[in-house]
């Protein structure tokens, strides 16, 4: 009850503070993808604190699962945006004026629209609905332009930590499905491909699912990728992971790159 009341009070105070003039609220972003989305919505300059994972030169406020409540409170935010992985109860010590907004965006492309809509409303973006509607039209158009033709594909991240593949219940798998591919991974969201797991590696995954193509999402500045990429029996197509790892507007660039690769 306390947390619900605080949300209502925080939302009311923020609404009063953001009339037609669309004043800039003090925002704490607890994940880089939230920061990216706020930049796209034109609220990047309103961010006063970011998580330890962010590259922006601003005060650090802890991580996704371990937000630093003291550091957040010291910034006197109007709005604290956290991801699905954060327990909102951890933020109960904040003053009620600080509205807490929890967003996701990792389940599907449609959910990225919901995430952007919630952010726009909470941050007082006056043209937020129009921006999100334009985003919805654009991602669908770019996905349709790929023309995957029903090809069976395995989509993996093989260049950071341990390799894993994306299922259709993850925004990456959903993006490829909308692009006309058949995503062959049967796990709902992601599957780790490592020794000790049901499927111990990339080669084993290819043998299990028999894709026609393997898409490898490479993170920026990756120093090394799994040697197994050179051992698979199907063509490997590399894509820039930074366009896929942040749910939201970055996916527009990812889908455009996917369309270019599909033409080759």
C-alpha atoms as a PDB file:
ATOM      1  CA  UNK A   1       0.000   0.000   0.000  1.00  0.00           C
ATOM      2  CA  UNK A   2       2.815   2.369   0.919  1.00  0.00           C
ATOM      3  CA  UNK A   3       4.561   1.830  -2.401  1.00  0.00           C
ATOM      4  CA  UNK A   4       1.332   2.226  -4.412  1.00  0.00           C
ATOM      5  CA  UNK A   5       0.473   5.466  -2.607  1.00  0.00           C
ATOM      6  CA  UNK A   6       3.947   6.777  -3.227  1.00  0.00           C
ATOM      7  CA  UNK A   7       3.642   6.054  -6.944  1.00  0.00           C
ATOM      8  CA  UNK A   8       0.330   7.896  -7.105  1.00  0.00           C
ATOM      9  CA  UNK A   9       1.624  10.865  -5.131  1.00  0.00           C
ATOM     10  CA  UNK A  10       4.870  10.968  -7.095  1.00  0.00           C
ATOM     11  CA  UNK A  11       2.956  10.857 -10.371  1.00  0.00           C
ATOM     12  CA  UNK A  12       0.649  13.662  -9.254  1.00  0.00           C
ATOM     13  CA  UNK A  13       3.515  15.881  -8.147  1.00  0.00           C
ATOM     14  CA  UNK A  14       5.415  15.203 -11.368  1.00  0.00           C
ATOM     15  CA  UNK A  15       2.320  16.008 -13.450  1.00  0.00           C
ATOM     16  CA  UNK A  16       1.911  19.290 -11.581  1.00  0.00           C
ATOM     17  CA  UNK A  17       5.570  20.069 -12.128  1.00  0.00           C
ATOM     18  CA  UNK A  18       5.340  19.399 -15.875  1.00  0.00           C
ATOM     19  CA  UNK A  19       2.599  21.593 -17.377  1.00  0.00           C
ATOM     20  CA  UNK A  20       2.469  22.700 -20.982  1.00  0.00           C
ATOM     21  CA  UNK A  21       5.924  24.229 -20.596  1.00  0.00           C
ATOM     22  CA  UNK A  22       7.285  20.663 -20.323  1.00  0.00           C
ATOM     23  CA  UNK A  23       9.886  21.457 -17.669  1.00  0.00           C
ATOM     24  CA  UNK A  24      12.854  19.105 -17.480  1.00  0.00           C
ATOM     25  CA  UNK A  25      12.428  16.637 -14.582  1.00  0.00           C
ATOM     26  CA  UNK A  26      15.492  15.369 -12.725  1.00  0.00           C
ATOM     27  CA  UNK A  27      15.786  11.761 -13.906  1.00  0.00           C
ATOM     28  CA  UNK A  28      17.892   8.865 -12.642  1.00  0.00           C
ATOM     29  CA  UNK A  29      18.374   6.107 -15.242  1.00  0.00           C
ATOM     30  CA  UNK A  30      19.244   2.710 -13.811  1.00  0.00           C
ATOM     31  CA  UNK A  31      20.161   1.015 -17.110  1.00  0.00           C
ATOM     32  CA  UNK A  32      21.983   2.066 -20.311  1.00  0.00           C
ATOM     33  CA  UNK A  33      19.021   1.095 -22.503  1.00  0.00           C
ATOM     34  CA  UNK A  34      16.835   3.454 -20.483  1.00  0.00           C
ATOM     35  CA  UNK A  35      19.388   6.224 -21.059  1.00  0.00           C
ATOM     36  CA  UNK A  36      19.352   5.503 -24.806  1.00  0.00           C
ATOM     37  CA  UNK A  37      15.554   5.685 -24.874  1.00  0.00           C
ATOM     38  CA  UNK A  38      15.489   8.951 -22.924  1.00  0.00           C
ATOM     39  CA  UNK A  39      18.035  10.440 -25.342  1.00  0.00           C
ATOM     40  CA  UNK A  40      15.812   9.467 -28.257  1.00  0.00           C
ATOM     41  CA  UNK A  41      12.788  11.029 -26.556  1.00  0.00           C
ATOM     42  CA  UNK A  42      14.694  14.293 -26.126  1.00  0.00           C
ATOM     43  CA  UNK A  43      15.056  13.922 -22.354  1.00  0.00           C
ATOM     44  CA  UNK A  44      18.734  13.009 -22.225  1.00  0.00           C
ATOM     45  CA  UNK A  45      19.650  16.395 -20.753  1.00  0.00           C
ATOM     46  CA  UNK A  46      17.277  15.738 -17.849  1.00  0.00           C
ATOM     47  CA  UNK A  47      19.309  12.753 -16.604  1.00  0.00           C
ATOM     48  CA  UNK A  48      21.203  13.561 -13.392  1.00  0.00           C
ATOM     49  CA  UNK A  49      22.406  10.080 -12.414  1.00  0.00           C
ATOM     50  CA  UNK A  50      23.129   6.762 -14.113  1.00  0.00           C
ATOM     51  CA  UNK A  51      23.946   3.163 -13.219  1.00  0.00           C
ATOM     52  CA  UNK A  52      27.503   1.858 -13.042  1.00  0.00           C
ATOM     53  CA  UNK A  53      27.037   0.302 -16.493  1.00  0.00           C
ATOM     54  CA  UNK A  54      26.430   3.617 -18.255  1.00  0.00           C
ATOM     55  CA  UNK A  55      29.117   5.448 -20.216  1.00  0.00           C
ATOM     56  CA  UNK A  56      27.723   8.896 -19.441  1.00  0.00           C
ATOM     57  CA  UNK A  57      29.874  11.057 -17.153  1.00  0.00           C
ATOM     58  CA  UNK A  58      27.321  11.520 -14.364  1.00  0.00           C
ATOM     59  CA  UNK A  59      27.036  10.444 -10.724  1.00  0.00           C
ATOM     60  CA  UNK A  60      26.773   6.665 -10.360  1.00  0.00           C
ATOM     61  CA  UNK A  61      23.720   5.187  -8.676  1.00  0.00           C
ATOM     62  CA  UNK A  62      24.524   1.496  -8.374  1.00  0.00           C
ATOM     63  CA  UNK A  63      23.378  -1.349 -10.579  1.00  0.00           C
ATOM     64  CA  UNK A  64      20.220  -2.916 -11.877  1.00  0.00           C
ATOM     65  CA  UNK A  65      19.776  -5.327  -8.969  1.00  0.00           C
ATOM     66  CA  UNK A  66      21.612  -3.255  -6.340  1.00  0.00           C
ATOM     67  CA  UNK A  67      20.629   0.410  -6.745  1.00  0.00           C
ATOM     68  CA  UNK A  68      22.459   2.774  -4.391  1.00  0.00           C
ATOM     69  CA  UNK A  69      19.511   4.373  -2.609  1.00  0.00           C
ATOM     70  CA  UNK A  70      21.709   6.908  -0.843  1.00  0.00           C
ATOM     71  CA  UNK A  71      23.328   8.070  -4.069  1.00  0.00           C
ATOM     72  CA  UNK A  72      19.930   8.303  -5.764  1.00  0.00           C
ATOM     73  CA  UNK A  73      18.369  10.284  -2.911  1.00  0.00           C
ATOM     74  CA  UNK A  74      21.304  12.722  -2.888  1.00  0.00           C
ATOM     75  CA  UNK A  75      20.417  13.723  -6.455  1.00  0.00           C
ATOM     76  CA  UNK A  76      16.894  14.821  -5.476  1.00  0.00           C
ATOM     77  CA  UNK A  77      15.296  13.162  -8.528  1.00  0.00           C
ATOM     78  CA  UNK A  78      11.734  13.692  -9.690  1.00  0.00           C
ATOM     79  CA  UNK A  79      11.777  10.396 -11.582  1.00  0.00           C
ATOM     80  CA  UNK A  80      13.755   7.194 -11.056  1.00  0.00           C
ATOM     81  CA  UNK A  81      13.505   4.737 -13.956  1.00  0.00           C
ATOM     82  CA  UNK A  82      14.431   1.133 -13.219  1.00  0.00           C
ATOM     83  CA  UNK A  83      14.288  -2.045 -15.269  1.00  0.00           C
ATOM     84  CA  UNK A  84      12.336  -5.232 -14.684  1.00  0.00           C
ATOM     85  CA  UNK A  85      15.319  -6.701 -12.854  1.00  0.00           C
ATOM     86  CA  UNK A  86      15.098  -4.181 -10.005  1.00  0.00           C
ATOM     87  CA  UNK A  87      13.069  -4.888  -6.881  1.00  0.00           C
ATOM     88  CA  UNK A  88      11.105  -1.632  -6.351  1.00  0.00           C
ATOM     89  CA  UNK A  89      10.994  -2.378  -2.619  1.00  0.00           C
ATOM     90  CA  UNK A  90      14.717  -1.558  -2.534  1.00  0.00           C
ATOM     91  CA  UNK A  91      13.804   2.046  -3.325  1.00  0.00           C
ATOM     92  CA  UNK A  92      11.206   2.458  -0.571  1.00  0.00           C
ATOM     93  CA  UNK A  93      13.521   4.743   1.391  1.00  0.00           C
ATOM     94  CA  UNK A  94      13.315   7.463  -1.254  1.00  0.00           C
ATOM     95  CA  UNK A  95      11.185  10.508  -0.621  1.00  0.00           C
ATOM     96  CA  UNK A  96       7.644  10.221  -2.043  1.00  0.00           C
ATOM     97  CA  UNK A  97       8.340  13.079  -4.477  1.00  0.00           C
ATOM     98  CA  UNK A  98      10.584  10.707  -6.420  1.00  0.00           C
ATOM     99  CA  UNK A  99       8.322   8.716  -8.692  1.00  0.00           C
ATOM    100  CA  UNK A 100       9.600   5.238  -9.532  1.00  0.00           C
ATOM    101  CA  UNK A 101       8.869   3.913 -13.003  1.00  0.00           C
ATOM    102  CA  UNK A 102       9.656   0.284 -13.819  1.00  0.00           C
ATOM    103  CA  UNK A 103       9.973  -0.605 -17.496  1.00  0.00           C
ATOM    104  CA  UNK A 104      11.060  -3.626 -19.520  1.00  0.00           C
ATOM    105  CA  UNK A 105      11.128  -3.887 -23.306  1.00  0.00           C
ATOM    106  CA  UNK A 106      13.059  -7.158 -23.591  1.00  0.00           C
ATOM    107  CA  UNK A 107      10.173  -9.523 -24.371  1.00  0.00           C
ATOM    108  CA  UNK A 108       9.064  -8.288 -27.785  1.00  0.00           C
ATOM    109  CA  UNK A 109       9.107  -5.450 -30.283  1.00  0.00           C
ATOM    110  CA  UNK A 110       5.613  -4.452 -29.170  1.00  0.00           C
ATOM    111  CA  UNK A 111       6.904  -4.201 -25.621  1.00  0.00           C
ATOM    112  CA  UNK A 112       9.567  -1.722 -26.738  1.00  0.00           C
ATOM    113  CA  UNK A 113       6.692   0.509 -27.828  1.00  0.00           C
ATOM    114  CA  UNK A 114       5.082   0.165 -24.390  1.00  0.00           C
ATOM    115  CA  UNK A 115       8.399   0.982 -22.724  1.00  0.00           C
ATOM    116  CA  UNK A 116       8.867   4.133 -24.800  1.00  0.00           C
ATOM    117  CA  UNK A 117       5.267   5.199 -24.176  1.00  0.00           C
ATOM    118  CA  UNK A 118       5.675   4.847 -20.406  1.00  0.00           C
ATOM    119  CA  UNK A 119       8.948   6.778 -20.453  1.00  0.00           C
ATOM    120  CA  UNK A 120       7.484   9.561 -22.572  1.00  0.00           C
ATOM    121  CA  UNK A 121       4.482   9.973 -20.290  1.00  0.00           C
ATOM    122  CA  UNK A 122       6.530   9.918 -17.084  1.00  0.00           C
ATOM    123  CA  UNK A 123       9.146  12.340 -18.412  1.00  0.00           C
ATOM    124  CA  UNK A 124       6.563  14.794 -19.738  1.00  0.00           C
ATOM    125  CA  UNK A 125       7.459  14.461 -23.421  1.00  0.00           C
ATOM    126  CA  UNK A 126       4.751  16.516 -25.118  1.00  0.00           C
ATOM    127  CA  UNK A 127       5.031  14.779 -28.492  1.00  0.00           C
ATOM    128  CA  UNK A 128       5.721  11.364 -26.985  1.00  0.00           C
ATOM    129  CA  UNK A 129       2.707   9.607 -28.512  1.00  0.00           C
ATOM    130  CA  UNK A 130       3.606  10.837 -31.987  1.00  0.00           C
ATOM    131  CA  UNK A 131       7.236   9.762 -31.552  1.00  0.00           C
ATOM    132  CA  UNK A 132       6.274   6.266 -30.436  1.00  0.00           C
ATOM    133  CA  UNK A 133       3.698   5.923 -33.217  1.00  0.00           C
ATOM    134  CA  UNK A 134       6.368   6.869 -35.758  1.00  0.00           C
ATOM    135  CA  UNK A 135       8.753   4.346 -34.192  1.00  0.00           C
ATOM    136  CA  UNK A 136       6.077   1.620 -34.427  1.00  0.00           C
ATOM    137  CA  UNK A 137       5.502   2.320 -38.122  1.00  0.00           C
ATOM    138  CA  UNK A 138       9.229   2.492 -38.860  1.00  0.00           C
ATOM    139  CA  UNK A 139      10.284  -0.748 -37.190  1.00  0.00           C
ATOM    140  CA  UNK A 140       7.496  -2.655 -38.912  1.00  0.00           C
ATOM    141  CA  UNK A 141       8.462  -1.201 -42.290  1.00  0.00           C
ATOM    142  CA  UNK A 142      12.131  -2.030 -41.781  1.00  0.00           C
ATOM    143  CA  UNK A 143      11.330  -5.557 -40.631  1.00  0.00           C
ATOM    144  CA  UNK A 144       9.141  -6.122 -43.688  1.00  0.00           C
ATOM    145  CA  UNK A 145      11.973  -4.888 -45.940  1.00  0.00           C
ATOM    146  CA  UNK A 146      14.261  -7.711 -44.750  1.00  0.00           C
ATOM    147  CA  UNK A 147      12.201 -10.417 -46.487  1.00  0.00           C
ATOM    148  CA  UNK A 148      13.605 -13.342 -44.533  1.00  0.00           C
ATOM    149  CA  UNK A 149      11.601 -15.785 -46.646  1.00  0.00           C
ATOM    150  CA  UNK A 150      11.026 -18.214 -43.794  1.00  0.00           C
ATOM    151  CA  UNK A 151      14.701 -19.243 -43.595  1.00  0.00           C
ATOM    152  CA  UNK A 152      15.594 -21.160 -40.458  1.00  0.00           C
ATOM    153  CA  UNK A 153      18.040 -19.089 -38.407  1.00  0.00           C
ATOM    154  CA  UNK A 154      19.910 -19.311 -35.146  1.00  0.00           C
ATOM    155  CA  UNK A 155      20.693 -15.920 -33.594  1.00  0.00           C
ATOM    156  CA  UNK A 156      23.517 -15.905 -31.065  1.00  0.00           C
ATOM    157  CA  UNK A 157      25.795 -13.718 -29.011  1.00  0.00           C
ATOM    158  CA  UNK A 158      29.192 -15.390 -29.182  1.00  0.00           C
ATOM    159  CA  UNK A 159      31.640 -12.589 -28.471  1.00  0.00           C
ATOM    160  CA  UNK A 160      31.182 -11.732 -24.794  1.00  0.00           C
ATOM    161  CA  UNK A 161      31.412 -14.038 -21.778  1.00  0.00           C
ATOM    162  CA  UNK A 162      29.697 -17.344 -22.615  1.00  0.00           C
ATOM    163  CA  UNK A 163      27.756 -17.744 -25.895  1.00  0.00           C
ATOM    164  CA  UNK A 164      23.969 -17.778 -25.799  1.00  0.00           C
ATOM    165  CA  UNK A 165      21.167 -17.912 -28.351  1.00  0.00           C
ATOM    166  CA  UNK A 166      17.953 -15.908 -28.556  1.00  0.00           C
ATOM    167  CA  UNK A 167      14.450 -17.372 -28.507  1.00  0.00           C
ATOM    168  CA  UNK A 168      11.250 -15.919 -29.895  1.00  0.00           C
ATOM    169  CA  UNK A 169      10.237 -14.626 -26.452  1.00  0.00           C
ATOM    170  CA  UNK A 170      13.155 -12.191 -26.453  1.00  0.00           C
ATOM    171  CA  UNK A 171      13.008  -8.895 -28.337  1.00  0.00           C
ATOM    172  CA  UNK A 172      15.931  -9.981 -30.552  1.00  0.00           C
ATOM    173  CA  UNK A 173      14.246 -13.239 -31.541  1.00  0.00           C
ATOM    174  CA  UNK A 174      10.971 -11.391 -32.046  1.00  0.00           C
ATOM    175  CA  UNK A 175      12.669  -8.837 -34.322  1.00  0.00           C
ATOM    176  CA  UNK A 176      14.052 -11.620 -36.523  1.00  0.00           C
ATOM    177  CA  UNK A 177      10.646 -13.332 -36.593  1.00  0.00           C
ATOM    178  CA  UNK A 178       9.009 -10.085 -37.764  1.00  0.00           C
ATOM    179  CA  UNK A 179      11.743  -9.863 -40.400  1.00  0.00           C
ATOM    180  CA  UNK A 180      10.432 -13.084 -41.918  1.00  0.00           C
ATOM    181  CA  UNK A 181      12.835 -15.645 -40.457  1.00  0.00           C
ATOM    182  CA  UNK A 182      11.995 -18.797 -38.563  1.00  0.00           C
ATOM    183  CA  UNK A 183      13.926 -18.529 -35.293  1.00  0.00           C
ATOM    184  CA  UNK A 184      14.791 -22.131 -34.460  1.00  0.00           C
ATOM    185  CA  UNK A 185      15.818 -21.678 -30.829  1.00  0.00           C
ATOM    186  CA  UNK A 186      13.117 -23.340 -28.698  1.00  0.00           C
ATOM    187  CA  UNK A 187      14.010 -21.665 -25.382  1.00  0.00           C
ATOM    188  CA  UNK A 188      11.592 -18.857 -24.605  1.00  0.00           C
ATOM    189  CA  UNK A 189      14.107 -16.036 -24.077  1.00  0.00           C
ATOM    190  CA  UNK A 190      17.760 -17.086 -24.149  1.00  0.00           C
ATOM    191  CA  UNK A 191      19.704 -20.334 -23.912  1.00  0.00           C
ATOM    192  CA  UNK A 192      23.265 -20.480 -22.584  1.00  0.00           C
ATOM    193  CA  UNK A 193      25.524 -22.538 -24.844  1.00  0.00           C
ATOM    194  CA  UNK A 194      28.287 -23.797 -22.575  1.00  0.00           C
ATOM    195  CA  UNK A 195      29.686 -26.998 -21.080  1.00  0.00           C
ATOM    196  CA  UNK A 196      27.366 -28.464 -18.475  1.00  0.00           C
ATOM    197  CA  UNK A 197      24.228 -27.116 -20.158  1.00  0.00           C
ATOM    198  CA  UNK A 198      21.756 -29.151 -22.235  1.00  0.00           C
ATOM    199  CA  UNK A 199      23.410 -27.801 -25.394  1.00  0.00           C
ATOM    200  CA  UNK A 200      27.121 -27.358 -24.581  1.00  0.00           C
ATOM    201  CA  UNK A 201      28.170 -25.070 -27.427  1.00  0.00           C
ATOM    202  CA  UNK A 202      27.518 -23.383 -30.751  1.00  0.00           C
ATOM    203  CA  UNK A 203      28.403 -26.388 -32.912  1.00  0.00           C
ATOM    204  CA  UNK A 204      26.056 -28.556 -30.843  1.00  0.00           C
ATOM    205  CA  UNK A 205      23.283 -25.969 -31.244  1.00  0.00           C
ATOM    206  CA  UNK A 206      23.706 -25.978 -35.022  1.00  0.00           C
ATOM    207  CA  UNK A 207      23.595 -29.770 -35.049  1.00  0.00           C
ATOM    208  CA  UNK A 208      20.458 -29.765 -32.865  1.00  0.00           C
ATOM    209  CA  UNK A 209      18.428 -27.091 -34.658  1.00  0.00           C
ATOM    210  CA  UNK A 210      19.816 -27.361 -38.212  1.00  0.00           C
ATOM    211  CA  UNK A 211      19.495 -23.676 -39.178  1.00  0.00           C
ATOM    212  CA  UNK A 212      20.158 -22.443 -42.703  1.00  0.00           C
ATOM    213  CA  UNK A 213      21.934 -19.331 -41.375  1.00  0.00           C
ATOM    214  CA  UNK A 214      23.634 -18.351 -38.153  1.00  0.00           C
ATOM    215  CA  UNK A 215      23.541 -14.682 -37.151  1.00  0.00           C
ATOM    216  CA  UNK A 216      26.254 -13.605 -34.717  1.00  0.00           C
ATOM    217  CA  UNK A 217      25.663 -10.361 -32.805  1.00  0.00           C
ATOM    218  CA  UNK A 218      29.044  -8.851 -32.031  1.00  0.00           C
ATOM    219  CA  UNK A 219      29.327  -6.346 -29.170  1.00  0.00           C
ATOM    220  CA  UNK A 220      31.258  -3.142 -29.711  1.00  0.00           C
ATOM    221  CA  UNK A 221      35.020  -3.532 -29.135  1.00  0.00           C
ATOM    222  CA  UNK A 222      34.755  -7.316 -28.706  1.00  0.00           C
ATOM    223  CA  UNK A 223      38.268  -8.652 -28.291  1.00  0.00           C
ATOM    224  CA  UNK A 224      37.513 -12.265 -28.941  1.00  0.00           C
ATOM    225  CA  UNK A 225      34.690 -14.398 -30.255  1.00  0.00           C
ATOM    226  CA  UNK A 226      34.098 -18.094 -29.768  1.00  0.00           C
ATOM    227  CA  UNK A 227      36.363 -20.226 -31.943  1.00  0.00           C
ATOM    228  CA  UNK A 228      33.338 -22.405 -32.616  1.00  0.00           C
ATOM    229  CA  UNK A 229      32.069 -19.812 -35.099  1.00  0.00           C
ATOM    230  CA  UNK A 230      34.702 -21.100 -37.516  1.00  0.00           C
ATOM    231  CA  UNK A 231      33.620 -24.703 -37.071  1.00  0.00           C
ATOM    232  CA  UNK A 232      29.917 -24.552 -37.877  1.00  0.00           C
ATOM    233  CA  UNK A 233      28.546 -26.091 -41.044  1.00  0.00           C
ATOM    234  CA  UNK A 234      26.273 -23.175 -42.058  1.00  0.00           C
ATOM    235  CA  UNK A 235      26.979 -19.610 -43.256  1.00  0.00           C
ATOM    236  CA  UNK A 236      27.670 -17.115 -40.454  1.00  0.00           C
ATOM    237  CA  UNK A 237      26.422 -13.516 -40.805  1.00  0.00           C
ATOM    238  CA  UNK A 238      27.870 -10.929 -38.439  1.00  0.00           C
ATOM    239  CA  UNK A 239      25.775  -7.992 -37.210  1.00  0.00           C
ATOM    240  CA  UNK A 240      26.664  -5.154 -34.845  1.00  0.00           C
ATOM    241  CA  UNK A 241      25.312  -6.164 -31.471  1.00  0.00           C
ATOM    242  CA  UNK A 242      24.998  -2.583 -30.207  1.00  0.00           C
ATOM    243  CA  UNK A 243      22.009  -2.181 -32.531  1.00  0.00           C
ATOM    244  CA  UNK A 244      20.232  -5.159 -30.964  1.00  0.00           C
ATOM    245  CA  UNK A 245      21.252  -5.283 -27.306  1.00  0.00           C
ATOM    246  CA  UNK A 246      19.342  -2.094 -26.342  1.00  0.00           C
ATOM    247  CA  UNK A 247      15.565  -2.592 -26.784  1.00  0.00           C
ATOM    248  CA  UNK A 248      14.076   0.475 -28.409  1.00  0.00           C
ATOM    249  CA  UNK A 249      15.167   2.912 -31.138  1.00  0.00           C
ATOM    250  CA  UNK A 250      18.573   1.273 -31.732  1.00  0.00           C
ATOM    251  CA  UNK A 251      16.699  -1.685 -33.205  1.00  0.00           C
ATOM    252  CA  UNK A 252      15.748   0.490 -36.185  1.00  0.00           C
ATOM    253  CA  UNK A 253      19.419   0.596 -37.206  1.00  0.00           C
ATOM    254  CA  UNK A 254      19.752  -3.117 -36.491  1.00  0.00           C
ATOM    255  CA  UNK A 255      16.830  -3.985 -38.756  1.00  0.00           C
ATOM    256  CA  UNK A 256      18.247  -1.734 -41.498  1.00  0.00           C
ATOM    257  CA  UNK A 257      21.597  -3.537 -41.247  1.00  0.00           C
ATOM    258  CA  UNK A 258      19.805  -6.872 -41.320  1.00  0.00           C
ATOM    259  CA  UNK A 259      18.006  -5.835 -44.509  1.00  0.00           C
ATOM    260  CA  UNK A 260      21.340  -4.923 -46.141  1.00  0.00           C
ATOM    261  CA  UNK A 261      22.869  -8.272 -45.165  1.00  0.00           C
ATOM    262  CA  UNK A 262      19.824 -10.131 -46.470  1.00  0.00           C
ATOM    263  CA  UNK A 263      20.354  -8.630 -49.926  1.00  0.00           C
ATOM    264  CA  UNK A 264      23.866 -10.071 -50.193  1.00  0.00           C
END
